[in-house]
Amino acid sequence: IVTGAGRGIGRAIALALGDEGAAVVAVARTLSEVEDTAATLRRKGCRALALPADISDWAAVREVAQRAVQEFGGIHILVNCAGVVGPIGPLVESDVTEWCRTVQINLIGTYFCCKAVLPFMIRQHWGKIINLSGGGATGPRPNFAAYAASKTAVVRLTETLAEELEGHNIHVNVIAPGAVNTRMLDQVL
């Protein structure tokens, strides 16, 4: 399962996993984008399923995990790539709803996805979870408080989950890819 697979880094990861022989469940909010990713994978001879879903919705995330197991028989890898920049500007001027929505997507969405796949991974005694952090987790990011706070929390969530799963043969890691030429970078600039 790759979230945020409709464009940018998530799409690139989904395509790379397909190139390595993985059956891919591509997840994103925008149906046309996630269908395009899955279609590209299928043209390459990969098995792929497009599932439009908002990862900040627990019921939708549970459905993604169940559909992945129904379609492919298990879940071996989860890449939590979906994310938003959120409000840009001084915290005092930020929109409260936008600020909370950023945390809901970046942190709570990552938590939902991990929680949804873990029962399957624990039963099969194997799995890989890769969460994406960002520059906001490595140091202060003035004018990006919601993004920085949520991505820092993803790092600590990842570290904690990795220790909780010790002995289950489930590896949990976080990566911060740095600046990549994506729509999100355009938004930041």
N, C-alpha and C. Protein backbone atom coordinates (compact mmCIF):
# COMPACT_ATOMS: atom_id res chain seq x y z
N ILE A 1 0.86 -1.18 0.00
CA ILE A 1 0.00 0.00 0.00
C ILE A 1 0.90 1.23 0.00
N VAL A 2 0.63 2.12 -0.93
CA VAL A 2 1.34 3.40 -0.97
C VAL A 2 0.29 4.50 -0.92
N THR A 3 0.34 5.34 0.12
CA THR A 3 -0.57 6.47 0.19
C THR A 3 0.09 7.67 -0.49
N GLY A 4 -0.75 8.58 -0.96
CA GLY A 4 -0.22 9.72 -1.70
C GLY A 4 0.31 9.30 -3.05
N ALA A 5 -0.22 8.20 -3.58
CA ALA A 5 0.32 7.60 -4.81
C ALA A 5 -0.18 8.25 -6.09
N GLY A 6 -0.95 9.28 -5.97
CA GLY A 6 -1.49 9.94 -7.16
C GLY A 6 -0.50 10.83 -7.87
N ARG A 7 0.48 11.32 -7.14
CA ARG A 7 1.46 12.24 -7.75
C ARG A 7 2.70 12.33 -6.87
N GLY A 8 3.69 13.02 -7.37
CA GLY A 8 4.88 13.32 -6.59
C GLY A 8 5.65 12.09 -6.14
N ILE A 9 6.17 12.19 -4.93
CA ILE A 9 7.01 11.12 -4.37
C ILE A 9 6.22 9.83 -4.22
N GLY A 10 4.96 9.92 -3.78
CA GLY A 10 4.14 8.72 -3.62
C GLY A 10 3.97 7.96 -4.92
N ARG A 11 3.72 8.68 -5.99
CA ARG A 11 3.59 8.04 -7.30
C ARG A 11 4.91 7.38 -7.70
N ALA A 12 6.01 8.08 -7.51
CA ALA A 12 7.33 7.54 -7.87
C ALA A 12 7.63 6.27 -7.07
N ILE A 13 7.26 6.27 -5.79
CA ILE A 13 7.49 5.08 -4.96
C ILE A 13 6.61 3.92 -5.44
N ALA A 14 5.35 4.20 -5.73
CA ALA A 14 4.45 3.15 -6.22
C ALA A 14 4.99 2.54 -7.51
N LEU A 15 5.45 3.37 -8.42
CA LEU A 15 5.99 2.86 -9.69
C LEU A 15 7.27 2.07 -9.47
N ALA A 16 8.12 2.54 -8.57
CA ALA A 16 9.37 1.83 -8.28
C ALA A 16 9.09 0.47 -7.64
N LEU A 17 8.13 0.41 -6.74
CA LEU A 17 7.77 -0.88 -6.14
C LEU A 17 7.22 -1.83 -7.20
N GLY A 18 6.42 -1.30 -8.10
CA GLY A 18 5.92 -2.12 -9.21
C GLY A 18 7.05 -2.65 -10.07
N ASP A 19 8.04 -1.79 -10.34
CA ASP A 19 9.20 -2.23 -11.13
C ASP A 19 9.95 -3.36 -10.46
N GLU A 20 9.88 -3.43 -9.13
CA GLU A 20 10.56 -4.48 -8.38
C GLU A 20 9.70 -5.73 -8.20
N GLY A 21 8.50 -5.71 -8.80
CA GLY A 21 7.66 -6.90 -8.77
C GLY A 21 6.54 -6.90 -7.74
N ALA A 22 6.39 -5.81 -7.02
CA ALA A 22 5.34 -5.75 -6.01
C ALA A 22 3.97 -5.53 -6.66
N ALA A 23 2.96 -6.14 -6.09
CA ALA A 23 1.58 -5.78 -6.40
C ALA A 23 1.29 -4.55 -5.56
N VAL A 24 0.75 -3.51 -6.18
CA VAL A 24 0.65 -2.21 -5.52
C VAL A 24 -0.81 -1.78 -5.35
N VAL A 25 -1.14 -1.37 -4.14
CA VAL A 25 -2.41 -0.69 -3.88
C VAL A 25 -2.07 0.79 -3.80
N ALA A 26 -2.49 1.52 -4.82
CA ALA A 26 -2.22 2.96 -4.90
C ALA A 26 -3.39 3.71 -4.28
N VAL A 27 -3.09 4.54 -3.28
CA VAL A 27 -4.13 5.26 -2.54
C VAL A 27 -3.87 6.76 -2.63
N ALA A 28 -4.93 7.49 -2.91
CA ALA A 28 -4.88 8.96 -2.91
C ALA A 28 -6.30 9.48 -2.88
N ARG A 29 -6.46 10.74 -2.54
CA ARG A 29 -7.80 11.33 -2.48
C ARG A 29 -8.39 11.54 -3.87
N THR A 30 -7.54 11.86 -4.85
CA THR A 30 -8.03 12.20 -6.18
C THR A 30 -8.11 10.94 -7.04
N LEU A 31 -9.33 10.54 -7.37
CA LEU A 31 -9.57 9.30 -8.11
C LEU A 31 -8.80 9.26 -9.43
N SER A 32 -8.87 10.31 -10.22
CA SER A 32 -8.22 10.30 -11.53
C SER A 32 -6.72 10.10 -11.41
N GLU A 33 -6.10 10.70 -10.41
CA GLU A 33 -4.65 10.58 -10.25
C GLU A 33 -4.25 9.17 -9.81
N VAL A 34 -4.97 8.60 -8.86
CA VAL A 34 -4.62 7.27 -8.38
C VAL A 34 -4.94 6.21 -9.45
N GLU A 35 -5.99 6.43 -10.22
CA GLU A 35 -6.28 5.52 -11.33
C GLU A 35 -5.19 5.58 -12.38
N ASP A 36 -4.65 6.77 -12.63
CA ASP A 36 -3.56 6.91 -13.60
C ASP A 36 -2.32 6.16 -13.13
N THR A 37 -2.01 6.26 -11.84
CA THR A 37 -0.85 5.53 -11.31
C THR A 37 -1.05 4.02 -11.48
N ALA A 38 -2.23 3.53 -11.13
CA ALA A 38 -2.51 2.09 -11.26
C ALA A 38 -2.48 1.66 -12.73
N ALA A 39 -3.02 2.48 -13.61
CA ALA A 39 -3.00 2.15 -15.04
C ALA A 39 -1.56 2.07 -15.56
N THR A 40 -0.72 2.99 -15.12
CA THR A 40 0.69 2.97 -15.53
C THR A 40 1.36 1.69 -15.04
N LEU A 41 1.07 1.30 -13.83
CA LEU A 41 1.62 0.05 -13.29
C LEU A 41 1.15 -1.16 -14.10
N ARG A 42 -0.14 -1.19 -14.42
CA ARG A 42 -0.67 -2.33 -15.18
C ARG A 42 -0.07 -2.39 -16.58
N ARG A 43 0.16 -1.23 -17.20
CA ARG A 43 0.80 -1.23 -18.53
C ARG A 43 2.21 -1.81 -18.47
N LYS A 44 2.84 -1.72 -17.33
CA LYS A 44 4.18 -2.29 -17.14
C LYS A 44 4.11 -3.77 -16.77
N GLY A 45 2.91 -4.30 -16.68
CA GLY A 45 2.75 -5.71 -16.34
C GLY A 45 2.62 -5.98 -14.85
N CYS A 46 2.41 -4.94 -14.06
CA CYS A 46 2.28 -5.10 -12.60
C CYS A 46 0.82 -5.26 -12.21
N ARG A 47 0.61 -5.94 -11.11
CA ARG A 47 -0.73 -5.98 -10.53
C ARG A 47 -0.92 -4.72 -9.70
N ALA A 48 -2.03 -4.04 -9.92
CA ALA A 48 -2.25 -2.77 -9.22
C ALA A 48 -3.73 -2.55 -8.97
N LEU A 49 -4.02 -1.92 -7.86
CA LEU A 49 -5.37 -1.57 -7.49
C LEU A 49 -5.38 -0.10 -7.09
N ALA A 50 -6.28 0.67 -7.67
CA ALA A 50 -6.43 2.09 -7.33
C ALA A 50 -7.57 2.23 -6.33
N LEU A 51 -7.28 2.84 -5.20
CA LEU A 51 -8.31 3.07 -4.19
C LEU A 51 -8.31 4.54 -3.77
N PRO A 52 -9.34 5.26 -4.16
CA PRO A 52 -9.42 6.64 -3.68
C PRO A 52 -9.84 6.63 -2.21
N ALA A 53 -9.09 7.33 -1.38
CA ALA A 53 -9.41 7.37 0.06
C ALA A 53 -8.74 8.58 0.69
N ASP A 54 -9.40 9.09 1.70
CA ASP A 54 -8.86 10.16 2.54
C ASP A 54 -8.28 9.49 3.77
N ILE A 55 -6.96 9.54 3.92
CA ILE A 55 -6.33 8.82 5.03
C ILE A 55 -6.65 9.42 6.39
N SER A 56 -7.28 10.58 6.42
CA SER A 56 -7.67 11.14 7.71
C SER A 56 -9.02 10.60 8.17
N ASP A 57 -9.58 9.66 7.41
CA ASP A 57 -10.87 9.03 7.72
C ASP A 57 -10.61 7.56 8.09
N TRP A 58 -10.78 7.22 9.37
CA TRP A 58 -10.47 5.88 9.87
C TRP A 58 -11.23 4.79 9.12
N ALA A 59 -12.51 5.01 8.86
CA ALA A 59 -13.30 3.99 8.16
C ALA A 59 -12.74 3.76 6.75
N ALA A 60 -12.35 4.82 6.08
CA ALA A 60 -11.80 4.69 4.73
C ALA A 60 -10.47 3.93 4.75
N VAL A 61 -9.65 4.20 5.74
CA VAL A 61 -8.35 3.53 5.84
C VAL A 61 -8.53 2.04 6.14
N ARG A 62 -9.45 1.70 7.04
CA ARG A 62 -9.73 0.28 7.32
C ARG A 62 -10.18 -0.43 6.06
N GLU A 63 -11.02 0.24 5.26
CA GLU A 63 -11.50 -0.35 4.00
C GLU A 63 -10.34 -0.59 3.04
N VAL A 64 -9.40 0.34 2.96
CA VAL A 64 -8.22 0.16 2.10
C VAL A 64 -7.47 -1.11 2.50
N ALA A 65 -7.21 -1.28 3.79
CA ALA A 65 -6.48 -2.45 4.26
C ALA A 65 -7.24 -3.74 3.94
N GLN A 66 -8.54 -3.73 4.18
CA GLN A 66 -9.34 -4.93 3.89
C GLN A 66 -9.36 -5.24 2.39
N ARG A 67 -9.50 -4.21 1.57
CA ARG A 67 -9.50 -4.43 0.11
C ARG A 67 -8.15 -4.94 -0.37
N ALA A 68 -7.06 -4.44 0.21
CA ALA A 68 -5.73 -4.91 -0.17
C ALA A 68 -5.58 -6.40 0.12
N VAL A 69 -6.05 -6.82 1.28
CA VAL A 69 -5.95 -8.24 1.65
C VAL A 69 -6.86 -9.07 0.75
N GLN A 70 -8.07 -8.61 0.47
CA GLN A 70 -8.98 -9.34 -0.42
C GLN A 70 -8.38 -9.49 -1.81
N GLU A 71 -7.78 -8.43 -2.31
CA GLU A 71 -7.26 -8.43 -3.68
C GLU A 71 -5.94 -9.21 -3.81
N PHE A 72 -5.04 -9.04 -2.84
CA PHE A 72 -3.69 -9.57 -2.99
C PHE A 72 -3.31 -10.60 -1.92
N GLY A 73 -4.19 -10.87 -0.97
CA GLY A 73 -3.93 -11.92 0.00
C GLY A 73 -3.12 -11.50 1.21
N GLY A 74 -2.65 -10.28 1.27
CA GLY A 74 -1.87 -9.83 2.42
C GLY A 74 -1.35 -8.43 2.20
N ILE A 75 -0.72 -7.91 3.22
CA ILE A 75 -0.08 -6.60 3.14
C ILE A 75 1.34 -6.78 3.67
N HIS A 76 2.31 -6.53 2.83
CA HIS A 76 3.69 -6.72 3.23
C HIS A 76 4.43 -5.41 3.44
N ILE A 77 4.04 -4.38 2.70
CA ILE A 77 4.71 -3.08 2.79
C ILE A 77 3.64 -1.99 2.84
N LEU A 78 3.86 -1.03 3.73
CA LEU A 78 3.05 0.18 3.77
C LEU A 78 4.00 1.36 3.65
N VAL A 79 3.72 2.23 2.69
CA VAL A 79 4.47 3.48 2.57
C VAL A 79 3.48 4.62 2.81
N ASN A 80 3.68 5.33 3.91
CA ASN A 80 2.84 6.47 4.25
C ASN A 80 3.46 7.73 3.66
N CYS A 81 2.99 8.08 2.47
CA CYS A 81 3.55 9.21 1.75
C CYS A 81 2.56 10.37 1.64
N ALA A 82 1.29 10.14 1.88
CA ALA A 82 0.30 11.21 1.77
C ALA A 82 0.61 12.29 2.80
N GLY A 83 0.51 13.53 2.38
CA GLY A 83 0.75 14.62 3.30
C GLY A 83 0.43 15.96 2.67
N VAL A 84 0.29 16.95 3.52
CA VAL A 84 0.02 18.31 3.06
C VAL A 84 0.96 19.27 3.78
N VAL A 85 1.19 20.42 3.16
CA VAL A 85 2.02 21.46 3.77
C VAL A 85 1.24 22.19 4.85
N GLY A 86 -0.03 22.42 4.59
CA GLY A 86 -0.85 23.14 5.56
C GLY A 86 -0.66 24.64 5.45
N PRO A 87 -1.12 25.38 6.47
CA PRO A 87 -1.04 26.83 6.40
C PRO A 87 0.41 27.32 6.40
N ILE A 88 0.68 28.29 5.57
CA ILE A 88 2.01 28.88 5.48
C ILE A 88 1.91 30.31 6.01
N GLY A 89 2.77 30.62 6.93
CA GLY A 89 2.78 31.95 7.53
C GLY A 89 2.93 31.84 9.04
N PRO A 90 3.00 32.98 9.72
CA PRO A 90 3.15 32.96 11.17
C PRO A 90 2.00 32.21 11.84
N LEU A 91 2.33 31.45 12.87
CA LEU A 91 1.33 30.68 13.60
C LEU A 91 0.17 31.57 14.06
N VAL A 92 0.46 32.75 14.53
CA VAL A 92 -0.57 33.63 15.05
C VAL A 92 -1.60 34.00 13.99
N GLU A 93 -1.21 33.92 12.73
CA GLU A 93 -2.13 34.25 11.63
C GLU A 93 -2.74 33.02 10.98
N SER A 94 -2.35 31.83 11.41
CA SER A 94 -2.81 30.61 10.73
C SER A 94 -4.27 30.33 11.03
N ASP A 95 -4.92 29.72 10.04
CA ASP A 95 -6.30 29.31 10.18
C ASP A 95 -6.35 28.06 11.05
N VAL A 96 -7.16 28.08 12.09
CA VAL A 96 -7.24 26.98 13.04
C VAL A 96 -7.67 25.69 12.36
N THR A 97 -8.66 25.77 11.50
CA THR A 97 -9.16 24.57 10.82
C THR A 97 -8.08 23.97 9.92
N GLU A 98 -7.37 24.81 9.17
CA GLU A 98 -6.30 24.34 8.29
C GLU A 98 -5.17 23.71 9.10
N TRP A 99 -4.84 24.33 10.23
CA TRP A 99 -3.77 23.84 11.09
C TRP A 99 -4.11 22.44 11.60
N CYS A 100 -5.30 22.28 12.12
CA CYS A 100 -5.74 20.98 12.63
C CYS A 100 -5.85 19.95 11.52
N ARG A 101 -6.30 20.35 10.35
CA ARG A 101 -6.41 19.43 9.21
C ARG A 101 -5.03 18.91 8.80
N THR A 102 -4.01 19.76 8.88
CA THR A 102 -2.64 19.34 8.55
C THR A 102 -2.18 18.23 9.50
N VAL A 103 -2.42 18.40 10.78
CA VAL A 103 -2.06 17.38 11.76
C VAL A 103 -2.90 16.12 11.53
N GLN A 104 -4.17 16.29 11.20
CA GLN A 104 -5.05 15.15 10.96
C GLN A 104 -4.55 14.29 9.79
N ILE A 105 -4.11 14.94 8.73
CA ILE A 105 -3.62 14.19 7.57
C ILE A 105 -2.22 13.65 7.82
N ASN A 106 -1.29 14.52 8.19
CA ASN A 106 0.11 14.11 8.27
C ASN A 106 0.40 13.14 9.41
N LEU A 107 -0.16 13.38 10.57
CA LEU A 107 0.11 12.53 11.73
C LEU A 107 -0.97 11.48 11.94
N ILE A 108 -2.20 11.91 12.10
CA ILE A 108 -3.28 10.97 12.40
C ILE A 108 -3.50 10.02 11.22
N GLY A 109 -3.39 10.51 10.00
CA GLY A 109 -3.51 9.64 8.83
C GLY A 109 -2.44 8.56 8.82
N THR A 110 -1.22 8.93 9.18
CA THR A 110 -0.13 7.96 9.26
C THR A 110 -0.45 6.92 10.34
N TYR A 111 -0.92 7.39 11.50
CA TYR A 111 -1.32 6.48 12.57
C TYR A 111 -2.43 5.53 12.11
N PHE A 112 -3.46 6.09 11.46
CA PHE A 112 -4.57 5.25 10.98
C PHE A 112 -4.05 4.14 10.05
N CYS A 113 -3.18 4.51 9.12
CA CYS A 113 -2.68 3.52 8.16
C CYS A 113 -1.86 2.43 8.86
N CYS A 114 -1.01 2.83 9.79
CA CYS A 114 -0.23 1.84 10.54
C CYS A 114 -1.17 0.92 11.32
N LYS A 115 -2.11 1.49 12.02
CA LYS A 115 -3.05 0.70 12.83
C LYS A 115 -3.85 -0.27 11.97
N ALA A 116 -4.23 0.15 10.77
CA ALA A 116 -5.05 -0.69 9.90
C ALA A 116 -4.28 -1.89 9.35
N VAL A 117 -2.99 -1.73 9.06
CA VAL A 117 -2.24 -2.83 8.46
C VAL A 117 -1.59 -3.75 9.49
N LEU A 118 -1.38 -3.26 10.69
CA LEU A 118 -0.63 -4.05 11.67
C LEU A 118 -1.25 -5.39 12.03
N PRO A 119 -2.56 -5.51 12.19
CA PRO A 119 -3.09 -6.85 12.49
C PRO A 119 -2.70 -7.89 11.43
N PHE A 120 -2.70 -7.49 10.17
CA PHE A 120 -2.32 -8.41 9.09
C PHE A 120 -0.83 -8.73 9.14
N MET A 121 -0.01 -7.71 9.36
CA MET A 121 1.44 -7.92 9.42
C MET A 121 1.83 -8.77 10.63
N ILE A 122 1.18 -8.53 11.76
CA ILE A 122 1.49 -9.31 12.96
C ILE A 122 1.13 -10.78 12.75
N ARG A 123 -0.02 -11.04 12.12
CA ARG A 123 -0.43 -12.43 11.84
C ARG A 123 0.55 -13.14 10.93
N GLN A 124 1.06 -12.44 9.94
CA GLN A 124 2.00 -13.07 9.00
C GLN A 124 3.44 -13.00 9.51
N HIS A 125 3.66 -12.31 10.63
CA HIS A 125 4.96 -12.18 11.26
C HIS A 125 6.01 -11.60 10.31
N TRP A 126 5.57 -10.58 9.58
CA TRP A 126 6.49 -9.91 8.64
C TRP A 126 5.85 -8.66 8.10
N GLY A 127 6.66 -7.63 7.94
CA GLY A 127 6.17 -6.42 7.30
C GLY A 127 7.18 -5.29 7.34
N LYS A 128 6.94 -4.34 6.47
CA LYS A 128 7.76 -3.13 6.40
C LYS A 128 6.81 -1.93 6.38
N ILE A 129 7.07 -0.98 7.24
CA ILE A 129 6.33 0.28 7.24
C ILE A 129 7.34 1.39 7.06
N ILE A 130 7.11 2.22 6.06
CA ILE A 130 7.99 3.35 5.77
C ILE A 130 7.15 4.61 5.84
N ASN A 131 7.46 5.46 6.80
CA ASN A 131 6.75 6.72 6.95
C ASN A 131 7.62 7.84 6.41
N LEU A 132 6.99 8.81 5.77
CA LEU A 132 7.74 9.95 5.27
C LEU A 132 7.61 11.13 6.22
N SER A 133 8.74 11.64 6.58
CA SER A 133 8.85 12.81 7.41
C SER A 133 9.18 13.97 6.47
N GLY A 134 9.79 14.98 6.97
CA GLY A 134 10.17 16.09 6.11
C GLY A 134 11.13 17.01 6.83
N GLY A 135 11.53 18.05 6.12
CA GLY A 135 12.47 19.01 6.68
C GLY A 135 11.99 19.63 7.97
N GLY A 136 10.69 19.68 8.14
CA GLY A 136 10.14 20.24 9.36
C GLY A 136 10.46 19.43 10.59
N ALA A 137 10.88 18.20 10.40
CA ALA A 137 11.18 17.34 11.55
C ALA A 137 12.64 17.45 11.98
N THR A 138 13.47 18.10 11.20
CA THR A 138 14.90 18.16 11.51
C THR A 138 15.31 19.44 12.21
N GLY A 139 14.45 20.42 12.21
CA GLY A 139 14.76 21.69 12.87
C GLY A 139 13.57 22.63 12.73
N PRO A 140 13.64 23.77 13.38
CA PRO A 140 12.52 24.72 13.31
C PRO A 140 12.25 25.16 11.86
N ARG A 141 10.98 25.31 11.53
CA ARG A 141 10.58 25.79 10.20
C ARG A 141 9.62 26.97 10.38
N PRO A 142 10.16 28.16 10.60
CA PRO A 142 9.27 29.31 10.76
C PRO A 142 8.29 29.39 9.59
N ASN A 143 7.06 29.71 9.91
CA ASN A 143 5.97 29.85 8.94
C ASN A 143 5.40 28.52 8.45
N PHE A 144 5.87 27.43 9.01
CA PHE A 144 5.36 26.10 8.65
C PHE A 144 5.11 25.29 9.92
N ALA A 145 4.51 25.91 10.93
CA ALA A 145 4.37 25.28 12.25
C ALA A 145 3.56 23.98 12.20
N ALA A 146 2.45 23.97 11.50
CA ALA A 146 1.61 22.76 11.46
C ALA A 146 2.36 21.62 10.78
N TYR A 147 2.99 21.91 9.66
CA TYR A 147 3.75 20.89 8.94
C TYR A 147 4.89 20.36 9.80
N ALA A 148 5.68 21.28 10.38
CA ALA A 148 6.83 20.88 11.18
C ALA A 148 6.40 20.05 12.39
N ALA A 149 5.38 20.50 13.09
CA ALA A 149 4.92 19.77 14.28
C ALA A 149 4.41 18.38 13.90
N SER A 150 3.63 18.29 12.83
CA SER A 150 3.08 17.00 12.44
C SER A 150 4.16 16.04 11.95
N LYS A 151 5.13 16.53 11.21
CA LYS A 151 6.18 15.65 10.70
C LYS A 151 7.17 15.25 11.79
N THR A 152 7.40 16.13 12.76
CA THR A 152 8.22 15.75 13.91
C THR A 152 7.52 14.63 14.69
N ALA A 153 6.22 14.76 14.85
CA ALA A 153 5.45 13.73 15.55
C ALA A 153 5.49 12.40 14.79
N VAL A 154 5.52 12.44 13.46
CA VAL A 154 5.63 11.21 12.68
C VAL A 154 6.95 10.49 12.98
N VAL A 155 8.01 11.26 13.17
CA VAL A 155 9.30 10.65 13.52
C VAL A 155 9.20 9.91 14.85
N ARG A 156 8.63 10.55 15.86
CA ARG A 156 8.55 9.91 17.17
C ARG A 156 7.58 8.73 17.15
N LEU A 157 6.47 8.86 16.41
CA LEU A 157 5.54 7.74 16.24
C LEU A 157 6.27 6.55 15.63
N THR A 158 7.07 6.80 14.62
CA THR A 158 7.82 5.73 13.94
C THR A 158 8.79 5.05 14.89
N GLU A 159 9.56 5.85 15.64
CA GLU A 159 10.53 5.29 16.58
C GLU A 159 9.83 4.44 17.64
N THR A 160 8.72 4.93 18.14
CA THR A 160 7.98 4.21 19.18
C THR A 160 7.40 2.91 18.62
N LEU A 161 6.80 2.98 17.44
CA LEU A 161 6.21 1.81 16.83
C LEU A 161 7.27 0.76 16.51
N ALA A 162 8.44 1.20 16.07
CA ALA A 162 9.53 0.25 15.77
C ALA A 162 9.89 -0.55 17.02
N GLU A 163 9.94 0.10 18.15
CA GLU A 163 10.27 -0.62 19.39
C GLU A 163 9.12 -1.51 19.84
N GLU A 164 7.88 -1.04 19.69
CA GLU A 164 6.74 -1.87 20.06
C GLU A 164 6.69 -3.16 19.27
N LEU A 165 7.13 -3.11 18.01
CA LEU A 165 7.01 -4.27 17.12
C LEU A 165 8.24 -5.16 17.11
N GLU A 166 9.21 -4.83 17.95
CA GLU A 166 10.39 -5.67 18.05
C GLU A 166 9.94 -7.10 18.40
N GLY A 167 10.44 -8.07 17.70
CA GLY A 167 10.05 -9.44 17.94
C GLY A 167 8.95 -9.92 17.00
N HIS A 168 8.34 -9.03 16.25
CA HIS A 168 7.29 -9.41 15.28
C HIS A 168 7.82 -9.48 13.85
N ASN A 169 9.10 -9.17 13.66
CA ASN A 169 9.70 -9.14 12.33
C ASN A 169 9.02 -8.10 11.44
N ILE A 170 8.62 -6.99 12.03
CA ILE A 170 8.03 -5.86 11.30
C ILE A 170 8.96 -4.68 11.52
N HIS A 171 9.50 -4.18 10.44
CA HIS A 171 10.44 -3.07 10.50
C HIS A 171 9.73 -1.77 10.17
N VAL A 172 9.94 -0.76 10.99
CA VAL A 172 9.30 0.54 10.82
C VAL A 172 10.39 1.59 10.75
N ASN A 173 10.40 2.34 9.66
CA ASN A 173 11.41 3.36 9.45
C ASN A 173 10.76 4.64 8.96
N VAL A 174 11.49 5.71 9.10
CA VAL A 174 11.04 7.01 8.62
C VAL A 174 12.15 7.59 7.76
N ILE A 175 11.76 8.22 6.67
CA ILE A 175 12.74 8.89 5.82
C ILE A 175 12.27 10.32 5.56
N ALA A 176 13.23 11.20 5.42
CA ALA A 176 12.96 12.60 5.05
C ALA A 176 13.63 12.81 3.69
N PRO A 177 12.85 12.81 2.63
CA PRO A 177 13.45 12.83 1.30
C PRO A 177 14.10 14.14 0.90
N GLY A 178 13.85 15.21 1.63
CA GLY A 178 14.41 16.51 1.24
C GLY A 178 13.57 17.13 0.14
N ALA A 179 14.06 18.23 -0.37
CA ALA A 179 13.32 18.97 -1.40
C ALA A 179 13.32 18.17 -2.71
N VAL A 180 12.13 17.92 -3.22
CA VAL A 180 11.95 17.19 -4.47
C VAL A 180 11.02 18.03 -5.33
N ASN A 181 11.27 18.06 -6.62
CA ASN A 181 10.48 18.90 -7.53
C ASN A 181 9.07 18.32 -7.70
N THR A 182 8.18 18.70 -6.78
CA THR A 182 6.80 18.23 -6.79
C THR A 182 5.87 19.43 -6.63
N ARG A 183 4.59 19.16 -6.74
CA ARG A 183 3.59 20.21 -6.54
C ARG A 183 3.68 20.79 -5.13
N MET A 184 4.01 19.95 -4.15
CA MET A 184 4.16 20.43 -2.78
C MET A 184 5.30 21.43 -2.67
N LEU A 185 6.42 21.17 -3.34
CA LEU A 185 7.53 22.11 -3.33
C LEU A 185 7.12 23.42 -3.98
N ASP A 186 6.38 23.34 -5.07
CA ASP A 186 5.86 24.56 -5.72
C ASP A 186 5.04 25.38 -4.74
N GLN A 187 4.22 24.69 -3.95
CA GLN A 187 3.38 25.36 -2.98
C GLN A 187 4.22 26.05 -1.92
N VAL A 188 5.27 25.40 -1.46
CA VAL A 188 6.16 25.97 -0.45
C VAL A 188 6.88 27.20 -1.00
N LEU A 189 7.38 27.07 -2.23
CA LEU A 189 8.10 28.19 -2.84
C LEU A 189 7.17 29.35 -3.11
